Every structure is written in C-alpha cells, then in structure tokens.
C-alpha cells in the first residue's frame, strides 16, 4: 500500500494508511475471522450479522467512500483528492492480496462493479473510481499511478 500511494504522489497517506487497524476493536475481530484469502469483515458479517471492526474502521479512515456519506442524508460529500486516490490504491492492493497468484488488473474493476451499487456515495466520486479502474484494466498500473493523470482525471470529473 505504501509503495502504490507513494507512486501516486501520496507518501504521507501511504505511511498513515489504516492505522486504526491496530485499535482493539479492529485488531481482535480481524484476528478472530482471518483466513488470508477473504476479508475478515465479510466473514464476521456472515457469522454475526454485523462487524464492529468495519463500523469503527470506516468512521476513522477517510479513504473509504462510506466515510463521506450518511445513508439517511440526501447530500453526499465529494471525497477530497488525496483520500479518493488513497481509496483507489486500497482497492488495488486489497484485490491483489485476496486474489493472490490469480490476480489480474480486470479483477479490481470487477470487484468495484459488484460493490458500488451498495454505496450511497456522491455520483462524481463513483464516476472517478469507474474511470480510473477502467483505465487500470485497459492501460495498466503504470498509467493510472501517475499523479498527473490522477489529478487531471479527478479535476475533470469531481471539480466541474
């Protein structure tokens, strides 16, 4: 995660990424439901019906789109650039980890397309993720990790 964020021009975001995972609620739940090939949060939700670790995590980590909206609200904030890019890096790295040796760049877009319908996020942010993850599939990681490309794409979609 650190390396990808750094390549995208976000050294500090990569360094500080997901520090809340060391909190008691996130650490112990993740340890209990860890398998190595699937999110412990998903497994916990299946077993208990909810995940306290996820509720804690999304409320403290601004790179998660879920941080920026309230399900009961009409208004959804536009995720600021550095957190939107960190969120994309997070999706890429997480998909690589969970897919392992069978990872392909198109897997990130497939995962994103499965989950985005559950999000109540700002439409511009969803479009930004769509564009970057489609370009990742079509042009490769080096193309999208370019901070000029990311800033230009974010500006064209989220700041108009």
Protein backbone atom coordinates (compact mmCIF):
# COMPACT_ATOMS: atom_id res chain seq x y z
CA UNK A 1 0.00 0.00 0.00
CA UNK A 2 2.77 2.39 0.94
CA UNK A 3 4.58 1.86 -2.38
CA UNK A 4 1.49 2.40 -4.51
CA UNK A 5 0.45 5.53 -2.61
CA UNK A 6 4.00 6.86 -2.94
CA UNK A 7 3.96 6.23 -6.71
CA UNK A 8 0.70 8.18 -6.86
CA UNK A 9 2.32 11.11 -5.03
CA UNK A 10 0.76 10.41 -1.62
CA UNK A 11 3.71 9.48 0.58
CA UNK A 12 2.06 10.51 3.86
CA UNK A 13 -1.27 8.85 3.06
CA UNK A 14 0.61 5.63 2.34
CA UNK A 15 2.53 5.93 5.59
CA UNK A 16 -0.55 6.63 7.71
CA UNK A 17 -2.89 4.25 5.87
CA UNK A 18 -5.23 2.17 8.07
CA UNK A 19 -3.59 2.86 11.44
CA UNK A 20 -6.97 2.21 13.08
CA UNK A 21 -6.47 -1.50 12.34
CA UNK A 22 -4.25 -1.54 15.44
CA UNK A 23 -7.14 -0.49 17.68
CA UNK A 24 -8.55 -3.23 19.91
CA UNK A 25 -11.94 -3.49 18.19
CA UNK A 26 -10.46 -3.83 14.70
CA UNK A 27 -7.44 -5.91 15.57
CA UNK A 28 -9.18 -8.62 17.61
CA UNK A 29 -12.16 -9.04 15.30
CA UNK A 30 -9.85 -9.26 12.28
CA UNK A 31 -7.63 -11.77 14.04
CA UNK A 32 -10.61 -13.92 15.01
CA UNK A 33 -12.04 -14.08 11.48
CA UNK A 34 -8.78 -14.03 9.49
CA UNK A 35 -8.41 -16.57 6.66
CA UNK A 36 -5.82 -14.92 4.42
CA UNK A 37 -7.91 -15.11 1.26
CA UNK A 38 -11.06 -13.23 2.26
CA UNK A 39 -11.89 -10.14 4.27
CA UNK A 40 -12.38 -10.92 7.97
CA UNK A 41 -15.08 -8.25 7.96
CA UNK A 42 -17.14 -10.20 5.40
CA UNK A 43 -16.80 -13.39 7.40
CA UNK A 44 -17.75 -11.64 10.63
CA UNK A 45 -20.85 -10.18 8.95
CA UNK A 46 -21.91 -13.67 7.87
CA UNK A 47 -21.43 -15.06 11.38
CA UNK A 48 -22.73 -12.17 13.50
CA UNK A 49 -24.77 -10.12 11.03
CA UNK A 50 -22.56 -7.04 11.52
CA UNK A 51 -18.95 -6.06 12.02
CA UNK A 52 -17.90 -3.69 14.78
CA UNK A 53 -14.46 -3.53 13.18
CA UNK A 54 -15.96 -2.21 9.94
CA UNK A 55 -18.13 0.35 11.72
CA UNK A 56 -15.06 1.55 13.58
CA UNK A 57 -12.81 1.43 10.51
CA UNK A 58 -14.99 3.31 8.03
CA UNK A 59 -15.67 6.03 10.58
CA UNK A 60 -11.98 6.76 11.07
CA UNK A 61 -10.42 6.26 7.65
CA UNK A 62 -11.28 8.96 5.15
CA UNK A 63 -10.11 6.93 2.15
CA UNK A 64 -13.27 4.83 2.45
CA UNK A 65 -16.13 6.26 0.42
CA UNK A 66 -18.51 5.25 3.23
CA UNK A 67 -16.86 7.83 5.49
CA UNK A 68 -18.24 10.62 3.32
CA UNK A 69 -21.97 9.97 3.41
CA UNK A 70 -24.81 9.21 5.76
CA UNK A 71 -27.32 6.66 4.49
CA UNK A 72 -30.14 8.89 5.76
CA UNK A 73 -28.87 12.04 4.06
CA UNK A 74 -29.61 13.36 0.61
CA UNK A 75 -26.23 15.07 0.38
CA UNK A 76 -23.04 13.11 -0.13
CA UNK A 77 -19.72 14.88 0.05
CA UNK A 78 -17.19 14.75 -2.76
CA UNK A 79 -14.24 12.80 -1.39
CA UNK A 80 -11.17 15.07 -1.40
CA UNK A 81 -8.49 14.16 -3.94
CA UNK A 82 -5.90 12.63 -1.61
CA UNK A 83 -8.45 10.35 0.05
CA UNK A 84 -10.08 9.35 -3.25
CA UNK A 85 -6.71 8.31 -4.67
CA UNK A 86 -5.77 6.51 -1.44
CA UNK A 87 -9.09 4.65 -1.69
CA UNK A 88 -8.29 3.54 -5.23
CA UNK A 89 -4.84 2.37 -4.10
CA UNK A 90 -6.54 0.46 -1.28
CA UNK A 91 -8.88 -1.30 -3.74
CA UNK A 92 -5.97 -2.29 -6.00
CA UNK A 93 -3.81 -3.63 -3.18
CA UNK A 94 -6.68 -5.44 -1.41
CA UNK A 95 -7.70 -7.14 -4.65
CA UNK A 96 -4.10 -8.22 -5.25
CA UNK A 97 -3.92 -9.70 -1.74
CA UNK A 98 -7.22 -11.57 -1.89
CA UNK A 99 -6.79 -12.84 -5.48
CA UNK A 100 -3.19 -13.91 -4.90
CA UNK A 101 -1.44 -15.56 -7.83
CA UNK A 102 -4.59 -15.45 -9.94
CA UNK A 103 -4.75 -11.62 -9.77
CA UNK A 104 -5.44 -9.74 -13.00
CA UNK A 105 -5.91 -6.00 -13.36
CA UNK A 106 -9.51 -6.53 -14.50
CA UNK A 107 -10.28 -8.10 -11.08
CA UNK A 108 -10.21 -4.66 -9.44
CA UNK A 109 -12.87 -3.32 -11.80
CA UNK A 110 -14.98 -6.48 -11.40
CA UNK A 111 -14.88 -6.14 -7.61
CA UNK A 112 -15.68 -2.42 -7.82
CA UNK A 113 -18.65 -3.04 -10.13
CA UNK A 114 -20.05 -5.64 -7.71
CA UNK A 115 -19.85 -3.36 -4.68
CA UNK A 116 -20.57 0.15 -5.98
CA UNK A 117 -24.34 -0.40 -6.24
CA UNK A 118 -24.39 -0.76 -2.44
CA UNK A 119 -22.79 2.65 -1.95
CA UNK A 120 -24.79 5.84 -1.45
CA UNK A 121 -21.83 7.98 -2.46
CA UNK A 122 -21.54 11.14 -4.47
CA UNK A 123 -22.05 10.37 -8.17
CA UNK A 124 -18.91 12.25 -9.20
CA UNK A 125 -16.77 10.14 -6.88
CA UNK A 126 -18.29 6.96 -8.29
CA UNK A 127 -17.53 8.19 -11.81
CA UNK A 128 -13.92 8.94 -10.81
CA UNK A 129 -13.46 5.40 -9.48
CA UNK A 130 -15.13 3.99 -12.62
CA UNK A 131 -12.79 5.92 -14.91
CA UNK A 132 -9.56 5.14 -13.05
CA UNK A 133 -10.34 1.45 -12.55
CA UNK A 134 -11.42 1.06 -16.18
CA UNK A 135 -8.17 2.74 -17.27
CA UNK A 136 -6.28 0.43 -14.93
CA UNK A 137 -7.77 -2.56 -16.73
CA UNK A 138 -7.22 -1.07 -20.19
CA UNK A 139 -3.81 0.62 -19.82
CA UNK A 140 -2.14 -0.89 -16.77
CA UNK A 141 -0.93 0.15 -13.36
CA UNK A 142 1.87 2.47 -14.52
CA UNK A 143 -0.66 4.53 -16.47
CA UNK A 144 -3.00 5.17 -13.52
CA UNK A 145 -0.38 5.56 -10.79
CA UNK A 146 0.82 8.74 -12.49
CA UNK A 147 -0.11 11.66 -10.24
CA UNK A 148 -0.65 13.98 -13.25
CA UNK A 149 -3.15 11.53 -14.74
CA UNK A 150 -4.92 11.13 -11.39
CA UNK A 151 -5.12 14.87 -10.70
CA UNK A 152 -6.33 15.65 -14.24
CA UNK A 153 -8.97 12.91 -14.11
CA UNK A 154 -10.14 13.95 -10.63
CA UNK A 155 -10.35 17.60 -11.66
CA UNK A 156 -12.32 16.83 -14.84
CA UNK A 157 -14.84 14.65 -13.03
CA UNK A 158 -15.11 15.83 -9.43
CA UNK A 159 -14.44 19.55 -9.67
CA UNK A 160 -16.73 20.55 -12.53
